[in-house]
Protein backbone atom coordinates (compact mmCIF):
# COMPACT_ATOMS: atom_id res chain seq x y z
CA MET A 1 62.34 36.98 5.56
CA ASN A 2 65.32 37.57 7.78
CA LYS A 3 65.49 37.06 11.54
CA GLU A 4 65.11 40.71 12.34
CA ASN A 5 61.90 41.11 10.21
CA GLU A 6 60.56 37.93 11.72
CA ALA A 7 61.20 39.14 15.30
CA ASN A 8 59.58 42.48 14.47
CA GLU A 9 56.42 40.75 13.21
CA ASN A 10 56.14 38.76 16.53
CA ILE A 11 56.18 41.96 18.64
CA LEU A 12 52.79 42.43 20.32
CA GLY A 13 51.80 45.94 21.39
CA TYR A 14 49.18 46.93 23.86
CA VAL A 15 48.18 50.54 23.90
CA GLY A 16 46.34 52.68 26.45
CA GLU A 17 46.02 56.02 28.17
CA THR A 18 47.41 56.55 31.59
CA ALA A 19 46.37 60.12 32.30
CA ASP A 20 43.87 62.62 31.03
CA SER A 21 45.37 66.14 31.37
CA THR A 22 43.49 69.17 30.12
CA CYS A 23 45.29 71.41 27.59
CA SER A 24 46.28 74.68 29.19
CA CYS A 25 45.65 76.47 25.91
CA SER A 26 41.88 76.06 26.36
CA LYS A 27 40.00 77.66 29.21
CA SER A 28 38.34 75.40 31.85
CA GLU A 29 37.17 75.70 35.43
CA SER A 30 37.80 73.18 38.02
CA ASP A 31 34.91 71.77 40.16
CA PRO A 32 35.34 72.97 43.71
CA GLN A 33 33.00 70.21 44.91
CA SER A 34 34.95 67.39 43.24
CA CYS A 35 36.70 66.31 46.58
CA SER A 36 33.84 67.01 48.94
CA GLY A 37 32.30 64.09 50.90
CA LYS A 38 35.42 61.86 50.50
CA VAL A 39 36.73 60.58 53.90
CA VAL A 40 39.68 58.24 54.51
CA HIS A 41 38.82 55.39 56.84
CA ALA A 42 41.75 53.61 58.51
CA LYS A 43 42.31 51.45 61.63
CA THR A 44 45.22 49.81 63.33
CA GLU A 45 45.10 45.98 63.55
CA PRO A 46 45.87 44.56 67.05
CA GLY A 47 48.90 42.31 67.51
CA CYS A 48 48.60 38.52 67.76
CA GLU A 49 50.49 36.19 69.98
CA ASN A 50 52.34 33.09 68.55
CA THR A 51 54.04 30.05 69.99
CA PRO A 52 57.22 28.70 68.46
CA VAL A 53 56.93 25.18 67.07
CA ILE A 54 59.95 22.78 66.92
CA PRO A 55 59.84 21.03 63.53
CA LYS A 56 59.90 17.18 63.36
CA THR A 57 63.11 15.94 61.86
CA ILE A 58 64.82 12.62 61.14
CA ASP A 59 67.18 10.97 63.61
CA ALA A 60 70.66 12.31 63.74
CA GLY A 61 73.24 10.67 61.51
CA LEU A 62 74.02 9.86 57.86
CA PHE A 63 71.15 9.77 55.38
CA VAL A 64 70.45 10.20 51.68
CA GLY A 65 68.46 13.20 50.46
CA LYS A 66 67.22 14.20 47.04
CA ILE A 67 67.79 17.95 46.48
CA PRO A 68 68.32 20.32 43.58
CA VAL A 69 72.06 20.37 42.75
CA VAL A 70 73.49 23.31 40.86
CA LEU A 71 75.20 21.99 37.73
CA ALA A 72 76.24 25.30 36.17
CA GLU A 73 75.82 29.01 36.53
CA ALA A 74 76.41 31.43 33.68
CA LYS A 75 75.84 34.97 32.42
CA VAL A 76 74.28 34.85 28.92
CA THR A 77 74.34 38.11 26.81
CA ILE A 78 71.68 38.18 24.07
CA PRO A 79 71.68 41.02 21.47
CA ILE A 80 68.16 42.09 20.41
CA VAL A 81 67.06 44.53 17.69
CA ALA A 82 63.33 45.49 17.42
CA GLU A 83 61.15 47.92 15.70
CA LEU A 84 58.41 49.50 17.84
CA LYS A 85 55.52 51.66 16.71
CA LEU A 86 53.60 53.81 19.13
CA GLU A 87 49.89 54.47 18.81
CA ASP A 88 50.30 58.29 18.52
CA ARG A 89 53.19 60.54 17.71
CA ALA A 90 55.22 61.32 20.82
CA ILE A 91 57.23 64.44 21.72
CA GLU A 92 59.07 62.75 24.58
CA ILE A 93 59.50 59.38 26.29
CA LYS A 94 58.71 59.83 29.96
CA ARG A 95 59.38 56.38 31.40
CA ILE A 96 60.24 52.86 30.19
CA LYS A 97 59.61 49.89 32.50
CA LYS A 98 61.00 46.47 31.43
CA ASN A 99 60.49 42.86 32.67
CA VAL A 100 62.07 39.70 31.22
CA TYR A 101 60.25 36.36 31.01
CA VAL A 102 61.98 33.06 30.08
CA THR A 103 59.51 30.63 28.41
CA GLN A 104 61.97 27.83 27.60
CA CYS A 105 65.36 26.93 29.18
CA HIS A 106 66.33 23.43 27.96
CA LEU A 107 69.61 21.62 28.36
CA LEU A 108 70.52 19.25 25.58
CA PRO A 109 71.41 15.77 27.21
CA THR A 110 75.05 14.98 26.76
CA ASP A 111 77.39 12.06 27.49
CA PRO A 112 78.05 11.71 31.29
CA CYS A 113 81.73 12.26 30.63
CA ASP A 114 81.22 15.59 28.96
CA THR A 115 82.02 18.73 31.00
CA THR A 116 79.83 21.08 28.90
CA GLY A 117 76.25 21.20 27.61
CA THR A 118 74.20 23.22 25.19
CA LEU A 119 71.50 25.40 26.74
CA PHE A 120 68.59 26.63 24.51
CA ILE A 121 66.82 29.77 25.86
CA GLU A 122 63.60 31.41 24.74
CA GLY A 123 61.58 34.25 26.16
CA PHE A 124 60.41 37.79 25.73
CA ILE A 125 60.98 41.23 27.18
CA ARG A 126 57.73 43.03 28.36
CA LYS A 127 58.42 46.69 27.70
CA ASN A 128 55.98 49.44 28.83
CA VAL A 129 56.65 52.80 27.25
CA GLU A 130 55.01 55.94 28.66
CA TYR A 131 55.22 58.94 26.35
CA ALA A 132 53.89 62.56 26.07
CA THR A 133 51.78 63.55 23.11
CA GLU A 134 51.10 66.97 21.69
CA GLU A 135 47.52 68.18 21.24
CA CYS A 136 47.91 72.01 21.26
CA SER A 137 50.83 74.28 21.38
CA ASP A 138 51.94 77.90 20.93
CA ASP A 139 55.27 79.63 21.04
CA GLU A 140 55.84 79.00 24.71
CA VAL A 141 53.47 76.09 25.79
CA ILE A 142 53.06 72.56 24.54
CA CYS A 143 50.11 70.58 26.07
CA GLY A 144 48.94 67.01 25.54
CA ARG A 145 48.27 63.64 27.20
CA ILE A 146 50.46 60.98 28.81
CA LYS A 147 49.85 57.63 26.98
CA HIS A 148 51.51 54.27 27.08
CA CYS A 149 52.17 51.21 24.87
CA THR A 150 53.20 47.75 26.07
CA PHE A 151 55.31 45.59 23.77
CA LYS A 152 56.44 41.95 23.96
CA VAL A 153 59.80 41.68 22.29
CA PRO A 154 60.80 38.00 21.77
CA PHE A 155 64.34 36.60 21.89
CA CYS A 156 66.02 33.13 21.54
CA CYS A 157 69.51 31.85 21.60
CA SER A 158 71.64 28.81 22.41
CA THR A 159 74.88 28.81 24.49
CA THR A 160 77.43 26.31 25.81
CA VAL A 161 77.59 26.05 29.60
CA CYS A 162 80.39 24.45 31.65
CA PHE A 163 79.52 22.24 34.51
CA PHE A 164 81.16 22.72 37.90
CA LYS A 165 84.34 20.53 38.32
CA LYS A 166 85.30 21.18 41.94
CA PRO A 167 85.56 19.17 44.08
CA VAL A 168 84.11 16.59 41.55
CA LEU A 169 82.30 17.00 38.28
CA ARG A 170 78.66 17.79 38.98
CA GLY A 171 77.14 17.25 35.59
CA PRO A 172 73.56 16.04 34.89
CA ILE A 173 72.82 12.42 35.58
CA PHE A 174 71.10 10.57 32.67
CA ILE A 175 70.74 6.80 32.60
CA GLN A 176 70.18 5.40 29.03
CA ASN A 177 67.66 2.66 28.47
CA PRO A 178 69.33 -0.69 27.67
CA LEU A 179 68.50 -2.59 24.55
CA ALA A 180 65.51 -5.00 24.67
CA THR A 181 66.38 -8.67 24.93
CA GLU A 182 64.54 -11.73 23.61
CA THR A 183 64.45 -15.16 25.23
CA GLU A 184 63.98 -18.29 23.13
CA ILE A 185 62.08 -21.37 24.33
CA PHE A 186 63.33 -24.88 23.46
CA GLU A 187 60.90 -27.15 21.68
CA ASP A 188 61.49 -30.80 20.58
CA THR A 189 57.95 -31.99 19.74
CA LEU A 190 57.50 -30.28 16.37
CA ARG A 191 56.44 -32.75 13.77
CA SER A 192 55.58 -32.56 10.15
CA CYS A 193 52.70 -34.29 8.31
CA ASP A 194 55.10 -37.09 7.35
CA VAL A 195 54.95 -39.56 10.20
CA CYS A 196 58.15 -41.16 9.16
CA LYS A 197 60.30 -38.00 9.57
CA GLU A 198 62.02 -37.30 12.91
CA PRO A 199 60.73 -34.52 15.16
CA ILE A 200 62.20 -31.00 14.64
CA ILE A 201 64.39 -29.62 17.52
CA GLY A 202 64.73 -25.85 18.00
CA SER A 203 63.00 -22.74 19.30
CA ASP A 204 59.31 -22.75 19.89
CA PRO A 205 57.58 -20.67 17.16
CA CYS A 206 54.38 -20.41 19.17
CA GLN A 207 55.74 -17.99 21.72
CA GLN A 208 58.19 -15.08 22.15
CA ASN A 209 59.61 -13.70 25.32
CA PHE A 210 60.94 -10.09 25.52
CA LYS A 211 62.51 -8.06 28.34
CA SER A 212 63.02 -4.37 28.25
CA THR A 213 63.82 -1.56 30.82
CA GLU A 214 63.25 2.19 30.71
CA PHE A 215 64.76 4.63 33.21
CA PHE A 216 63.01 7.87 34.15
CA ASN A 217 65.55 10.60 34.69
CA GLU A 218 65.10 13.86 36.62
CA PRO A 219 64.67 16.83 34.29
CA VAL A 220 67.19 19.63 34.20
CA PHE A 221 65.61 22.99 34.88
CA CYS A 222 66.74 26.56 35.28
CA GLU A 223 66.44 29.46 37.68
CA LEU A 224 66.59 33.09 36.57
CA VAL A 225 68.82 34.95 39.04
CA SER A 226 69.02 38.41 37.45
CA ALA A 227 68.47 40.33 34.21
CA THR A 228 70.44 43.42 33.04
CA PHE A 229 69.21 45.60 30.24
CA ASN A 230 71.73 47.79 28.30
CA GLU A 231 69.79 49.57 25.51
CA VAL A 232 69.48 52.39 23.20
CA ASP A 233 66.26 53.64 21.70
CA ILE A 234 66.63 55.45 18.36
CA HIS A 235 63.73 57.65 17.09
CA LYS A 236 62.92 56.90 13.45
CA ARG A 237 62.03 59.65 11.02
CA PRO A 238 61.29 62.35 13.64
CA ARG A 239 59.49 65.56 12.57
CA THR A 240 61.28 68.75 13.66
CA SER A 241 60.02 72.35 13.37
CA CYS A 242 62.25 74.75 11.42
CA ASP A 243 61.37 77.50 13.90
CA ASP A 244 62.19 75.39 16.99
CA PRO A 245 64.71 72.58 16.28
CA THR A 246 64.67 71.59 20.02
CA GLU A 247 61.21 70.05 19.74
CA GLN A 248 60.33 67.02 17.64
CA ASN A 249 57.73 64.28 17.42
CA PHE A 250 58.05 60.70 16.39
CA ARG A 251 56.15 57.46 16.24
CA ARG A 252 58.58 54.64 15.43
CA ILE A 253 61.48 53.48 17.69
CA THR A 254 64.40 51.23 16.87
CA GLU A 255 65.36 49.40 20.04
CA LYS A 256 68.83 47.76 20.35
CA VAL A 257 69.31 45.89 23.60
CA LEU A 258 72.06 43.81 25.15
CA LEU A 259 70.15 41.48 27.49
CA THR A 260 72.36 39.77 30.12
CA LEU A 261 70.72 36.85 31.91
CA LYS A 262 72.20 35.17 34.98
CA ILE A 263 70.99 31.65 34.96
CA LYS A 264 71.47 28.62 37.21
CA VAL A 265 71.10 25.15 35.75
CA LEU A 266 69.84 22.52 38.23
CA GLN A 267 68.89 18.95 38.55
CA LYS A 268 67.46 16.93 41.48
CA GLN A 269 70.07 14.38 42.59
CA GLN A 270 70.63 12.02 45.50
CA VAL A 271 73.10 13.50 48.00
CA GLY A 272 74.61 11.97 51.14
CA LEU A 273 73.95 14.21 54.13
CA ASN A 274 74.50 14.27 57.85
CA ALA A 275 71.67 15.22 60.24
CA GLU A 276 72.36 16.79 63.58
CA ASP A 277 70.31 17.03 66.73
CA ILE A 278 68.14 20.14 67.22
CA CYS A 279 68.24 21.54 70.73
């Protein structure tokens, strides 16, 4: 199974109906009493007074703070191809609404001297498609319903990001754990069963002393600044009438998207700051 087929199988679709319109080809009478008895109630909330509060701050002067530091910022372009299937055959796409969600953004730890790092990104595009269906038609009129389907189109990629170098290199700070050490204890009273032999001098076999240290580093995290969608939706195997080639209906859509994500890579670090007096 190739990556395209695997991605297509992971697409989740949610279908529903957004509007119920009556076909104009059939005769129906509207209910003149449908809106009677409905009254809109509204009121204006009165204004409230407030008192400014001066925040409590530290004393003026130099201090050390721990704040998120931007390590890198990049635009990542991800090509995506997906096969979508609507619930019913459509004659026209009325509206498409898209939102992107990043479920994983992980920076592979690198050597402190490196100026680049590898960023692994995973997520999905939530795509809502509103489309018109055909229920009845004649030579001049086509009537139907407005329906919708919601799809989750997954994506994943890895990219190399460059850390900021000016005025100094601001890469991630990772402290590696040192190797564990063992301390030997001297012992000079070890004797064998032979009382005539001299005592054995060396390390004490009855106890062992170890020392180890582990450092807990701040994780690297991402912020999603913007997402740009550049896409084309191709109707697959549309049905067209020989009498009217301007009208067609289809059910399957091939979506080709260039998704551009603007991402900030950050890590909390200790930074020297200078506090000023607040008047």
